[in-house]
C-alpha atoms as a PDB file:
ATOM      1  CA  MET A   1     -12.409   6.147  16.730  1.00  0.00           C
ATOM      2  CA  SER A   2     -13.441   7.441  13.298  1.00  0.00           C
ATOM      3  CA  ASP A   3     -12.463  10.989  11.958  1.00  0.00           C
ATOM      4  CA  SER A   4     -15.195  13.420  10.296  1.00  0.00           C
ATOM      5  CA  ARG A   5     -12.741  13.688   7.943  1.00  0.00           C
ATOM      6  CA  GLU A   6     -13.164  10.551   6.505  1.00  0.00           C
ATOM      7  CA  ALA A   7     -16.968  11.710   5.555  1.00  0.00           C
ATOM      8  CA  GLY A   8     -17.151  10.983   1.704  1.00  0.00           C
ATOM      9  CA  PHE A   9     -14.107   8.922   1.597  1.00  0.00           C
ATOM     10  CA  GLU A  10     -14.686   5.840  -1.012  1.00  0.00           C
ATOM     11  CA  LEU A  11     -11.950   3.776  -2.378  1.00  0.00           C
ATOM     12  CA  ASP A  12     -11.474   3.829  -5.968  1.00  0.00           C
ATOM     13  CA  PRO A  13     -13.081   0.734  -7.712  1.00  0.00           C
ATOM     14  CA  ARG A  14      -9.557   0.324  -9.148  1.00  0.00           C
ATOM     15  CA  LEU A  15      -8.111  -0.223  -5.960  1.00  0.00           C
ATOM     16  CA  ALA A  16     -10.887  -2.434  -4.297  1.00  0.00           C
ATOM     17  CA  HIS A  17     -10.447  -4.932  -7.324  1.00  0.00           C
ATOM     18  CA  ASP A  18      -6.850  -4.983  -7.358  1.00  0.00           C
ATOM     19  CA  THR A  19      -5.748  -5.422  -3.686  1.00  0.00           C
ATOM     20  CA  ALA A  20      -6.930  -7.103  -0.351  1.00  0.00           C
ATOM     21  CA  PHE A  21      -8.074  -5.702   3.131  1.00  0.00           C
ATOM     22  CA  ILE A  22      -5.126  -5.115   5.798  1.00  0.00           C
ATOM     23  CA  ALA A  23      -6.229  -2.925   8.144  1.00  0.00           C
ATOM     24  CA  ASP A  24      -7.538   1.070   8.515  1.00  0.00           C
ATOM     25  CA  TRP A  25      -4.856   2.638  10.205  1.00  0.00           C
ATOM     26  CA  GLN A  26      -5.016   5.907  11.816  1.00  0.00           C
ATOM     27  CA  LEU A  27      -4.969   7.970   8.057  1.00  0.00           C
ATOM     28  CA  CYS A  28      -5.157   5.363   5.876  1.00  0.00           C
ATOM     29  CA  ARG A  29      -6.234   2.081   4.445  1.00  0.00           C
ATOM     30  CA  VAL A  30      -3.667  -0.209   4.326  1.00  0.00           C
ATOM     31  CA  LEU A  31      -4.320  -2.826   1.486  1.00  0.00           C
ATOM     32  CA  LEU A  32      -1.851  -5.976  -0.103  1.00  0.00           C
ATOM     33  CA  LEU A  33      -1.848  -5.287  -3.868  1.00  0.00           C
ATOM     34  CA  ASP A  34      -2.603  -8.964  -5.247  1.00  0.00           C
ATOM     35  CA  ASP A  35       0.958  -9.880  -7.352  1.00  0.00           C
ATOM     36  CA  ALA A  36       2.708 -12.638  -6.032  1.00  0.00           C
ATOM     37  CA  ARG A  37       5.746 -11.240  -7.864  1.00  0.00           C
ATOM     38  CA  PHE A  38       6.119  -8.371  -4.804  1.00  0.00           C
ATOM     39  CA  PRO A  39       5.372  -7.866  -1.486  1.00  0.00           C
ATOM     40  CA  TRP A  40       3.362  -4.478  -1.958  1.00  0.00           C
ATOM     41  CA  LEU A  41       1.129  -2.520   0.491  1.00  0.00           C
ATOM     42  CA  VAL A  42      -0.832   0.406  -0.870  1.00  0.00           C
ATOM     43  CA  LEU A  43      -2.066   3.552   1.517  1.00  0.00           C
ATOM     44  CA  VAL A  44      -4.817   5.011   0.792  1.00  0.00           C
ATOM     45  CA  PRO A  45      -5.447   8.064   3.163  1.00  0.00           C
ATOM     46  CA  ARG A  46      -9.591   8.111   4.098  1.00  0.00           C
ATOM     47  CA  ARG A  47      -9.973  11.574   3.037  1.00  0.00           C
ATOM     48  CA  GLU A  48     -12.274  11.987   0.082  1.00  0.00           C
ATOM     49  CA  ALA A  49     -11.209  13.892  -3.061  1.00  0.00           C
ATOM     50  CA  LEU A  50      -7.466  14.072  -2.553  1.00  0.00           C
ATOM     51  CA  VAL A  51      -4.862  13.375  -5.413  1.00  0.00           C
ATOM     52  CA  GLU A  52      -1.819  14.862  -4.730  1.00  0.00           C
ATOM     53  CA  VAL A  53       0.208  14.444  -1.180  1.00  0.00           C
ATOM     54  CA  ASP A  54       0.221  18.415  -1.026  1.00  0.00           C
ATOM     55  CA  ASP A  55      -3.849  18.152  -0.891  1.00  0.00           C
ATOM     56  CA  LEU A  56      -3.243  16.907   2.646  1.00  0.00           C
ATOM     57  CA  ASP A  57      -3.446  19.335   5.700  1.00  0.00           C
ATOM     58  CA  GLU A  58      -0.411  19.470   7.840  1.00  0.00           C
ATOM     59  CA  SER A  59      -0.986  16.746  10.606  1.00  0.00           C
ATOM     60  CA  ASP A  60      -2.359  14.347   7.781  1.00  0.00           C
ATOM     61  CA  ASN A  61       0.564  14.777   5.711  1.00  0.00           C
ATOM     62  CA  THR A  62       2.799  14.109   9.403  1.00  0.00           C
ATOM     63  CA  ARG A  63       0.716  10.830   9.758  1.00  0.00           C
ATOM     64  CA  LEU A  64       1.200   9.612   6.090  1.00  0.00           C
ATOM     65  CA  MET A  65       5.218   9.940   7.011  1.00  0.00           C
ATOM     66  CA  HIS A  66       4.574   7.752  10.367  1.00  0.00           C
ATOM     67  CA  GLU A  67       2.044   5.371   8.274  1.00  0.00           C
ATOM     68  CA  ILE A  68       4.844   4.941   5.230  1.00  0.00           C
ATOM     69  CA  ARG A  69       7.512   4.240   7.865  1.00  0.00           C
ATOM     70  CA  HIS A  70       5.371   1.769   9.454  1.00  0.00           C
ATOM     71  CA  ALA A  71       4.427   0.158   6.514  1.00  0.00           C
ATOM     72  CA  MET A  72       8.146  -0.175   5.395  1.00  0.00           C
ATOM     73  CA  LYS A  73       8.617  -1.814   8.674  1.00  0.00           C
ATOM     74  CA  GLN A  74       5.527  -4.603   8.377  1.00  0.00           C
ATOM     75  CA  LEU A  75       7.291  -5.615   5.096  1.00  0.00           C
ATOM     76  CA  ARG A  76      10.462  -6.136   6.602  1.00  0.00           C
ATOM     77  CA  GLY A  77       8.815  -8.540   9.407  1.00  0.00           C
ATOM     78  CA  ALA A  78       6.999 -10.132   6.792  1.00  0.00           C
ATOM     79  CA  ALA A  79       8.563 -10.913   4.084  1.00  0.00           C
ATOM     80  CA  GLU A  80      12.369 -10.535   2.888  1.00  0.00           C
ATOM     81  CA  CYS A  81      13.378  -8.120   1.105  1.00  0.00           C
ATOM     82  CA  ASP A  82      16.751  -6.207  -0.129  1.00  0.00           C
ATOM     83  CA  LYS A  83      15.455  -2.960  -0.552  1.00  0.00           C
ATOM     84  CA  ILE A  84      11.887  -0.845   0.179  1.00  0.00           C
ATOM     85  CA  ASN A  85      10.075   1.065  -2.846  1.00  0.00           C
ATOM     86  CA  VAL A  86       8.287   4.224  -1.618  1.00  0.00           C
ATOM     87  CA  GLY A  87       6.015   6.085  -4.850  1.00  0.00           C
ATOM     88  CA  ALA A  88       2.825   8.066  -5.522  1.00  0.00           C
ATOM     89  CA  LEU A  89       2.581   7.798  -8.993  1.00  0.00           C
ATOM     90  CA  GLY A  90      -1.319   8.458  -9.606  1.00  0.00           C
ATOM     91  CA  ASN A  91      -1.342   8.422 -13.044  1.00  0.00           C
ATOM     92  CA  ILE A  92      -4.061   5.653 -13.917  1.00  0.00           C
ATOM     93  CA  VAL A  93      -5.651   6.049 -10.345  1.00  0.00           C
ATOM     94  CA  ARG A  94      -6.057   9.531  -9.569  1.00  0.00           C
ATOM     95  CA  GLN A  95      -7.149   8.896  -5.893  1.00  0.00           C
ATOM     96  CA  LEU A  96      -3.858   9.739  -3.537  1.00  0.00           C
ATOM     97  CA  HIS A  97      -2.389   6.351  -2.557  1.00  0.00           C
ATOM     98  CA  VAL A  98       1.200   5.541  -1.495  1.00  0.00           C
ATOM     99  CA  HIS A  99       2.591   2.162  -3.052  1.00  0.00           C
ATOM    100  CA  VAL A 100       5.195   0.606  -0.241  1.00  0.00           C
ATOM    101  CA  VAL A 101       6.898  -2.586  -2.444  1.00  0.00           C
ATOM    102  CA  ALA A 102       9.405  -4.717  -0.824  1.00  0.00           C
ATOM    103  CA  ARG A 103      12.107  -5.148  -3.393  1.00  0.00           C
ATOM    104  CA  ARG A 104      14.525  -8.548  -3.767  1.00  0.00           C
ATOM    105  CA  GLU A 105      17.706  -8.511  -6.042  1.00  0.00           C
ATOM    106  CA  ARG A 106      16.109 -11.559  -7.669  1.00  0.00           C
ATOM    107  CA  ASP A 107      12.676 -10.330  -8.293  1.00  0.00           C
ATOM    108  CA  ALA A 108      10.756 -10.411 -11.784  1.00  0.00           C
ATOM    109  CA  ALA A 109      11.817  -6.629 -12.193  1.00  0.00           C
ATOM    110  CA  TRP A 110      14.869  -6.030 -10.154  1.00  0.00           C
ATOM    111  CA  PRO A 111      16.398  -3.423 -10.467  1.00  0.00           C
ATOM    112  CA  GLY A 112      13.780  -1.626 -12.294  1.00  0.00           C
ATOM    113  CA  PRO A 113      10.589  -0.542 -11.445  1.00  0.00           C
ATOM    114  CA  VAL A 114       7.980  -2.690 -10.734  1.00  0.00           C
ATOM    115  CA  TRP A 115       5.246  -0.751 -12.633  1.00  0.00           C
ATOM    116  CA  GLY A 116       4.507  -2.131 -16.433  1.00  0.00           C
ATOM    117  CA  ARG A 117       6.330  -5.680 -15.602  1.00  0.00           C
ATOM    118  CA  GLY A 118       4.166  -8.327 -17.075  1.00  0.00           C
ATOM    119  CA  PRO A 119       0.795  -9.186 -15.919  1.00  0.00           C
ATOM    120  CA  ALA A 120       0.063  -9.728 -11.644  1.00  0.00           C
ATOM    121  CA  GLN A 121       0.290 -13.311 -10.898  1.00  0.00           C
ATOM    122  CA  PRO A 122      -2.517 -12.631  -7.867  1.00  0.00           C
ATOM    123  CA  TYR A 123      -1.578 -15.082  -4.940  1.00  0.00           C
ATOM    124  CA  SER A 124      -3.480 -18.260  -3.795  1.00  0.00           C
ATOM    125  CA  PRO A 125      -5.611 -17.373  -1.171  1.00  0.00           C
ATOM    126  CA  GLU A 126      -3.891 -19.174   1.383  1.00  0.00           C
ATOM    127  CA  ALA A 127      -0.433 -17.605   0.524  1.00  0.00           C
ATOM    128  CA  ARG A 128      -2.646 -14.395   0.594  1.00  0.00           C
ATOM    129  CA  GLU A 129      -4.103 -14.647   3.897  1.00  0.00           C
ATOM    130  CA  ALA A 130      -0.588 -16.359   5.459  1.00  0.00           C
ATOM    131  CA  LEU A 131       1.050 -12.915   4.686  1.00  0.00           C
ATOM    132  CA  ILE A 132      -1.420 -10.671   5.506  1.00  0.00           C
ATOM    133  CA  MET A 133      -1.867 -12.461   9.063  1.00  0.00           C
ATOM    134  CA  ARG A 134       2.485 -11.647   9.040  1.00  0.00           C
ATOM    135  CA  LEU A 135       1.930  -8.352   8.093  1.00  0.00           C
ATOM    136  CA  ARG A 136      -0.645  -8.029  11.078  1.00  0.00           C
ATOM    137  CA  SER A 137       1.311  -9.518  13.579  1.00  0.00           C
ATOM    138  CA  VAL A 138       4.265  -7.062  13.039  1.00  0.00           C
ATOM    139  CA  GLN A 139       3.937  -4.515  15.522  1.00  0.00           C
END
């Protein structure tokens, strides 16, 4: 069921370009960042003109935290990882979005941050679809 608060929601073009759709949850559009080096979800609250977490009302703020936890569970169930990183930076894309990244001690950026660690390495279509299917299957 669509929430009337979704009226006016548009996904930032950069996020649309750099990701693949996974699902629409109660609050967030869930996207897979197209960088095979890191299993990386992006959660975007489907509300108009949000920039910061405190732009959400209390109900949506609580729902966002639930959805972040669910994204973490999905990543643990679908991808090998040693740690899950969560962040909401928004320095380049101002639209409120939360990064949920599965990290491995042997990944290309470990132990540092994933941002700015060379060019993204896109998934092959087959690998991207397989990961999306695994993510969708995690309850």
